[in-house]
Amino acid sequence: MTADLTTPTLEPKQKRLKGSLAGSLVKSLVIFTFIPLALMAGAAYFRAQTLLREQAVRQTENQLVSQLDVINKEIQGKEGKLGHLLTSSDFNILIELALHANPQSSEFRKIRASVLGEFESENREENVPAFDHFFIMDTDGSIKVATNEEWQGITLKDTSFIDQTSTEHPSMALYGLAPIYNNQFVLVTALEYKTARGSSLGILVGITEADSLNELIHPLQAYYPLANTYFILPAGQFISSNSETGELSSVSSLSSSQESLIPRLTQMMESGDTKPTAMDTT
C-alpha cells in the first residue's frame, strides 16, 4: 500500500500575506539603512565644508599677510629715505636756514634750491621716486619750502596727524590735507626735526598721491582680482578702491554689509591687533 505525497499549496490570500510581509521587511531595512547613511553623509559633508572653509581662510590670510608685508616694506622704504635726510648735518643746517629765512629774499631762493636738490637726490636714489611731493613746515603748520612752489606760505588747516604719527610709525593715510589736498586719498610721511637741545623746530613731510598709492596697494588686488579693498581711516572715513579703475574714493553712503565691517575693524585698530580676521559678509 502506498501513500500519495502531495505538496501543500498556498491559498491566494496566504500568498498576499507572505508577499506583504516580505515587502514590509525590505522597506523597513531600506529605511533603517538609509537613515544612518544619510546622517553619515550629512556629517561628512558639513565636516568637509568646514575643513575646506578653514583651509580657504588660512590660505587667504597667509596671502594677505604676505602682500601686506610687501606694502609695509615699501612704506618703510619711504620712511627710511626721509629719515636719512635728517641724519645729514648739512641738510639740518639747510632746514634751519629755510625755516628762518625771508621767503622774498634771494638768499631764500638759494636755500630752497639746495633743500630740494638734497631731497631729489635721496628721493630718486633707486630711479623710482619714493614721494610725489615734499615740504618743510614749522610747528604751526606753515609751509616754508615745498616741491610745489604754490604751497609755500600756506598754513595747513589741520595738523593733528603730526600728533598721531611717531618715530616708529611716521606714515598715515589721510583723505584730504586741506588746503593743499581736498577730498583726495594720500599717504603722509612726517618726521619731526629737532634741534641739538631736543626742541621741535619743524616737520619734514613726504606725500604719496593716489596714483602712486594705487601702485603701492596693487599686490592686494593682484592676488585676488575680484576682491575689493577698503580703508577705514582713524577719522572714520570709509575709502573704497575700485578694482577696475584703481580709483580711491570716499564712500558717503554705506551698504549694510559695509557698515557691518566697521565695528570689527574699529575694534582691531583700537586693540592694535594686526592679525587677519575672517568675517562673513555679503
Protein backbone atom coordinates (compact mmCIF):
# COMPACT_ATOMS: atom_id res chain seq x y z
CA MET A 1 0.00 0.00 0.00
CA THR A 2 1.44 3.26 -0.91
CA ALA A 3 0.70 6.82 0.30
CA ASP A 4 0.42 9.67 -2.17
CA LEU A 5 2.75 12.59 -1.30
CA THR A 6 1.33 15.98 -2.10
CA THR A 7 2.91 19.43 -1.87
CA PRO A 8 0.84 21.85 0.17
CA THR A 9 -0.19 24.87 -1.81
CA LEU A 10 -0.80 28.37 -0.52
CA GLU A 11 -4.09 29.93 -0.96
CA PRO A 12 -4.04 33.29 -2.84
CA LYS A 13 -4.73 35.13 0.42
CA GLN A 14 -1.77 33.47 2.11
CA LYS A 15 0.46 34.42 -0.85
CA ARG A 16 -0.57 38.05 -0.48
CA LEU A 17 0.18 37.98 3.23
CA LYS A 18 3.59 36.45 2.69
CA GLY A 19 4.45 38.97 -0.09
CA SER A 20 3.23 41.87 2.00
CA LEU A 21 5.33 40.78 4.99
CA ALA A 22 8.48 40.42 2.88
CA GLY A 23 7.94 43.79 1.24
CA SER A 24 7.45 45.46 4.61
CA LEU A 25 10.63 43.89 5.95
CA VAL A 26 12.59 45.05 2.89
CA LYS A 27 11.19 48.58 3.14
CA SER A 28 11.98 48.72 6.85
CA LEU A 29 15.52 47.51 6.24
CA VAL A 30 15.96 50.11 3.47
CA ILE A 31 14.64 52.91 5.68
CA PHE A 32 16.77 51.95 8.68
CA THR A 33 19.79 51.58 6.41
CA PHE A 34 19.19 54.91 4.64
CA ILE A 35 18.79 56.98 7.81
CA PRO A 36 22.28 56.29 9.24
CA LEU A 37 23.79 56.59 5.76
CA ALA A 38 22.10 59.97 5.31
CA LEU A 39 23.28 61.11 8.73
CA MET A 40 26.82 59.95 7.97
CA ALA A 41 26.76 61.65 4.57
CA GLY A 42 25.43 64.87 6.10
CA ALA A 43 28.05 64.85 8.82
CA ALA A 44 30.78 64.14 6.26
CA TYR A 45 29.50 66.99 4.06
CA PHE A 46 29.47 69.56 6.86
CA ARG A 47 32.84 68.36 8.13
CA ALA A 48 34.32 68.64 4.63
CA GLN A 49 32.69 72.05 4.16
CA THR A 50 34.16 73.26 7.46
CA LEU A 51 37.60 71.91 6.60
CA LEU A 52 37.50 73.50 3.13
CA ARG A 53 36.39 76.82 4.59
CA GLU A 54 39.14 76.74 7.20
CA GLN A 55 41.69 75.87 4.52
CA ALA A 56 40.45 78.69 2.26
CA VAL A 57 40.58 81.16 5.16
CA ARG A 58 44.12 80.11 6.13
CA GLN A 59 45.34 80.39 2.54
CA THR A 60 43.72 83.81 2.13
CA GLU A 61 45.13 85.04 5.44
CA ASN A 62 48.63 83.81 4.54
CA GLN A 63 48.44 85.52 1.15
CA LEU A 64 47.13 88.70 2.72
CA VAL A 65 49.92 88.76 5.32
CA SER A 66 52.49 88.20 2.57
CA GLN A 67 51.12 91.00 0.38
CA LEU A 68 50.75 93.41 3.30
CA ASP A 69 54.35 92.70 4.21
CA VAL A 70 55.39 93.81 0.70
CA ILE A 71 53.39 97.03 1.11
CA ASN A 72 54.78 97.59 4.59
CA LYS A 73 58.35 97.31 3.32
CA GLU A 74 57.59 99.85 0.60
CA ILE A 75 56.29 102.29 3.21
CA GLN A 76 59.28 101.63 5.45
CA GLY A 77 61.50 102.43 2.46
CA LYS A 78 59.79 105.81 2.14
CA GLU A 79 60.22 106.49 5.83
CA GLY A 80 63.87 105.46 5.61
CA LYS A 81 64.57 108.00 2.85
CA LEU A 82 63.04 110.83 4.85
CA GLY A 83 64.87 109.70 7.97
CA HIS A 84 68.16 109.54 6.09
CA LEU A 85 67.86 113.24 5.22
CA LEU A 86 67.69 114.05 8.93
CA THR A 87 70.97 112.24 9.54
CA SER A 88 72.79 114.72 7.28
CA SER A 89 74.27 117.64 9.19
CA ASP A 90 74.35 119.72 6.01
CA PHE A 91 70.65 119.12 5.42
CA ASN A 92 69.87 120.01 9.04
CA ILE A 93 71.61 123.35 8.54
CA LEU A 94 69.53 123.93 5.41
CA ILE A 95 66.33 123.16 7.33
CA GLU A 96 67.12 125.78 9.96
CA LEU A 97 68.05 128.34 7.33
CA ALA A 98 64.85 127.64 5.39
CA LEU A 99 62.68 127.98 8.49
CA HIS A 100 64.16 131.36 9.38
CA ALA A 101 64.97 132.97 6.02
CA ASN A 102 62.86 135.69 4.43
CA PRO A 103 60.79 133.96 1.68
CA GLN A 104 61.14 137.03 -0.52
CA SER A 105 64.93 137.18 -0.41
CA SER A 106 67.37 135.88 -2.99
CA GLU A 107 69.09 134.01 -0.17
CA PHE A 108 65.91 132.01 0.41
CA ARG A 109 65.74 131.01 -3.26
CA LYS A 110 69.26 129.59 -3.00
CA ILE A 111 68.37 127.76 0.22
CA ARG A 112 65.22 126.35 -1.39
CA ALA A 113 67.18 125.12 -4.41
CA SER A 114 69.69 123.39 -2.11
CA VAL A 115 66.97 121.81 0.05
CA LEU A 116 65.09 120.44 -2.96
CA GLY A 117 68.33 119.30 -4.58
CA GLU A 118 69.17 117.22 -1.49
CA PHE A 119 65.62 115.85 -1.38
CA GLU A 120 65.51 114.90 -5.07
CA SER A 121 68.87 113.16 -4.79
CA GLU A 122 67.54 111.00 -1.95
CA ASN A 123 64.07 110.60 -3.45
CA ARG A 124 65.28 109.26 -6.80
CA GLU A 125 68.14 107.16 -5.50
CA GLU A 126 66.59 103.97 -6.96
CA ASN A 127 65.17 105.66 -10.10
CA VAL A 128 61.62 105.27 -8.76
CA PRO A 129 60.59 108.34 -6.72
CA ALA A 130 59.53 107.46 -3.19
CA PHE A 131 57.41 110.61 -2.84
CA ASP A 132 55.36 112.69 -5.25
CA HIS A 133 55.86 115.85 -3.18
CA PHE A 134 57.83 117.08 -0.23
CA PHE A 135 57.67 120.10 2.05
CA ILE A 136 59.09 121.53 5.26
CA MET A 137 56.72 123.29 7.64
CA ASP A 138 57.10 124.92 11.02
CA THR A 139 55.36 123.70 14.16
CA ASP A 140 52.34 125.92 13.41
CA GLY A 141 51.71 124.18 10.09
CA SER A 142 53.05 126.98 7.87
CA ILE A 143 54.78 125.54 4.79
CA LYS A 144 58.21 127.11 4.27
CA VAL A 145 59.76 125.07 1.44
CA ALA A 146 57.88 122.77 -0.95
CA THR A 147 58.42 120.97 -4.23
CA ASN A 148 55.18 122.67 -5.33
CA GLU A 149 56.13 126.33 -5.04
CA GLU A 150 52.47 127.37 -4.79
CA TRP A 151 52.24 125.67 -1.40
CA GLN A 152 54.88 127.89 0.16
CA GLY A 153 53.34 130.33 2.63
CA ILE A 154 50.18 128.22 3.04
CA THR A 155 49.21 127.08 6.54
CA LEU A 156 47.61 123.68 6.90
CA LYS A 157 44.15 123.79 8.46
CA ASP A 158 44.64 120.60 10.44
CA THR A 159 47.98 119.30 11.66
CA SER A 160 46.58 116.75 14.10
CA PHE A 161 48.14 113.98 12.01
CA ILE A 162 51.50 115.07 13.42
CA ASP A 163 50.35 114.06 16.90
CA GLN A 164 49.22 110.68 15.59
CA THR A 165 52.45 109.82 13.82
CA SER A 166 55.61 108.81 15.65
CA THR A 167 59.23 107.95 15.03
CA GLU A 168 58.23 104.29 14.92
CA HIS A 169 55.18 104.83 12.69
CA PRO A 170 55.62 108.13 10.83
CA SER A 171 53.21 107.35 7.96
CA MET A 172 49.46 107.85 7.91
CA ALA A 173 46.74 107.59 5.28
CA LEU A 174 44.53 110.68 5.06
CA TYR A 175 41.54 111.62 2.96
CA GLY A 176 42.42 115.23 2.31
CA LEU A 177 45.06 117.57 3.69
CA ALA A 178 43.43 120.95 3.37
CA PRO A 179 44.02 123.31 1.75
CA ILE A 180 46.61 121.57 -0.48
CA TYR A 181 44.62 118.32 -0.93
CA ASN A 182 40.83 118.30 -0.84
CA ASN A 183 38.88 115.03 -0.98
CA GLN A 184 41.93 113.11 -2.11
CA PHE A 185 43.41 109.98 -0.60
CA VAL A 186 47.09 110.50 0.24
CA LEU A 187 49.76 108.84 2.32
CA VAL A 188 51.58 111.33 4.54
CA THR A 189 55.01 110.54 5.99
CA ALA A 190 56.08 113.08 8.60
CA LEU A 191 59.25 113.30 10.66
CA GLU A 192 59.97 115.92 13.25
CA TYR A 193 63.14 118.00 13.07
CA LYS A 194 64.61 118.69 16.49
CA THR A 195 67.49 120.90 17.45
CA ALA A 196 70.55 119.60 19.30
CA ARG A 197 68.81 120.61 22.54
CA GLY A 198 65.80 118.47 21.67
CA SER A 199 63.30 121.22 20.93
CA SER A 200 60.99 120.78 17.94
CA LEU A 201 61.67 123.28 15.18
CA GLY A 202 59.88 121.93 12.12
CA ILE A 203 58.39 118.95 10.29
CA LEU A 204 59.57 117.17 7.14
CA VAL A 205 56.62 115.82 5.17
CA GLY A 206 56.63 113.46 2.20
CA ILE A 207 53.42 112.97 0.19
CA THR A 208 52.44 109.87 -1.78
CA GLU A 209 49.48 110.69 -4.03
CA ALA A 210 46.60 108.47 -5.16
CA ASP A 211 48.18 107.22 -8.41
CA SER A 212 51.32 106.13 -6.57
CA LEU A 213 49.17 104.61 -3.82
CA ASN A 214 47.42 102.50 -6.45
CA GLU A 215 50.79 101.08 -7.40
CA LEU A 216 51.59 100.59 -3.74
CA ILE A 217 48.45 98.60 -2.95
CA HIS A 218 48.49 96.71 -6.25
CA PRO A 219 49.64 93.47 -4.55
CA LEU A 220 46.33 93.42 -2.65
CA GLN A 221 44.38 93.42 -5.92
CA ALA A 222 46.82 91.16 -7.75
CA TYR A 223 46.49 88.11 -5.51
CA TYR A 224 42.70 88.06 -5.94
CA PRO A 225 41.45 90.30 -8.76
CA LEU A 226 37.79 90.06 -7.71
CA ALA A 227 38.50 91.31 -4.20
CA ASN A 228 37.54 94.79 -3.06
CA THR A 229 39.98 96.77 -0.93
CA TYR A 230 38.62 99.12 1.71
CA PHE A 231 40.40 101.51 4.04
CA ILE A 232 38.83 102.75 7.24
CA LEU A 233 40.79 105.79 8.43
CA PRO A 234 41.20 106.96 12.03
CA ALA A 235 38.87 109.89 11.31
CA GLY A 236 36.16 107.41 10.32
CA GLN A 237 36.20 107.85 6.54
CA PHE A 238 35.43 104.70 4.56
CA ILE A 239 37.63 104.58 1.45
CA SER A 240 36.94 102.16 -1.37
CA SER A 241 39.33 101.03 -4.09
CA ASN A 242 37.71 100.34 -7.46
CA SER A 243 39.20 97.04 -8.69
CA GLU A 244 38.66 98.04 -12.35
CA THR A 245 39.83 101.67 -12.43
CA GLY A 246 42.02 101.65 -9.31
CA GLU A 247 40.35 104.88 -8.17
CA LEU A 248 40.37 105.51 -4.43
CA SER A 249 37.30 107.39 -3.27
CA SER A 250 35.33 108.08 -0.13
CA VAL A 251 32.09 106.14 0.32
CA SER A 252 29.47 108.55 1.64
CA SER A 253 26.58 106.10 1.89
CA LEU A 254 27.49 102.67 3.24
CA SER A 255 25.65 99.46 2.49
CA SER A 256 24.56 97.27 5.39
CA SER A 257 27.41 94.84 4.63
CA GLN A 258 29.97 97.69 4.69
CA GLU A 259 28.55 99.05 7.94
CA SER A 260 28.89 95.60 9.49
CA LEU A 261 32.64 95.72 8.88
CA ILE A 262 33.26 98.93 10.82
CA PRO A 263 32.69 97.75 14.43
CA ARG A 264 35.04 94.78 14.00
CA LEU A 265 37.72 96.77 12.18
CA THR A 266 37.47 99.60 14.70
CA GLN A 267 37.95 97.06 17.48
CA MET A 268 41.02 95.69 15.70
CA MET A 269 42.52 99.18 15.29
CA GLU A 270 41.90 100.08 18.94
CA SER A 271 43.44 96.84 20.17
CA GLY A 272 46.43 97.11 17.84
CA ASP A 273 45.72 93.60 16.55
CA THR A 274 47.49 93.18 13.21
CA LYS A 275 46.47 89.57 12.58
CA PRO A 276 43.93 88.95 9.78
CA THR A 277 40.40 88.13 10.87
CA ALA A 278 37.85 86.36 8.69
CA MET A 279 34.32 87.74 8.71
CA ASP A 280 31.19 86.55 6.89
CA THR A 281 29.59 89.36 4.95
CA THR A 282 27.79 89.97 1.68
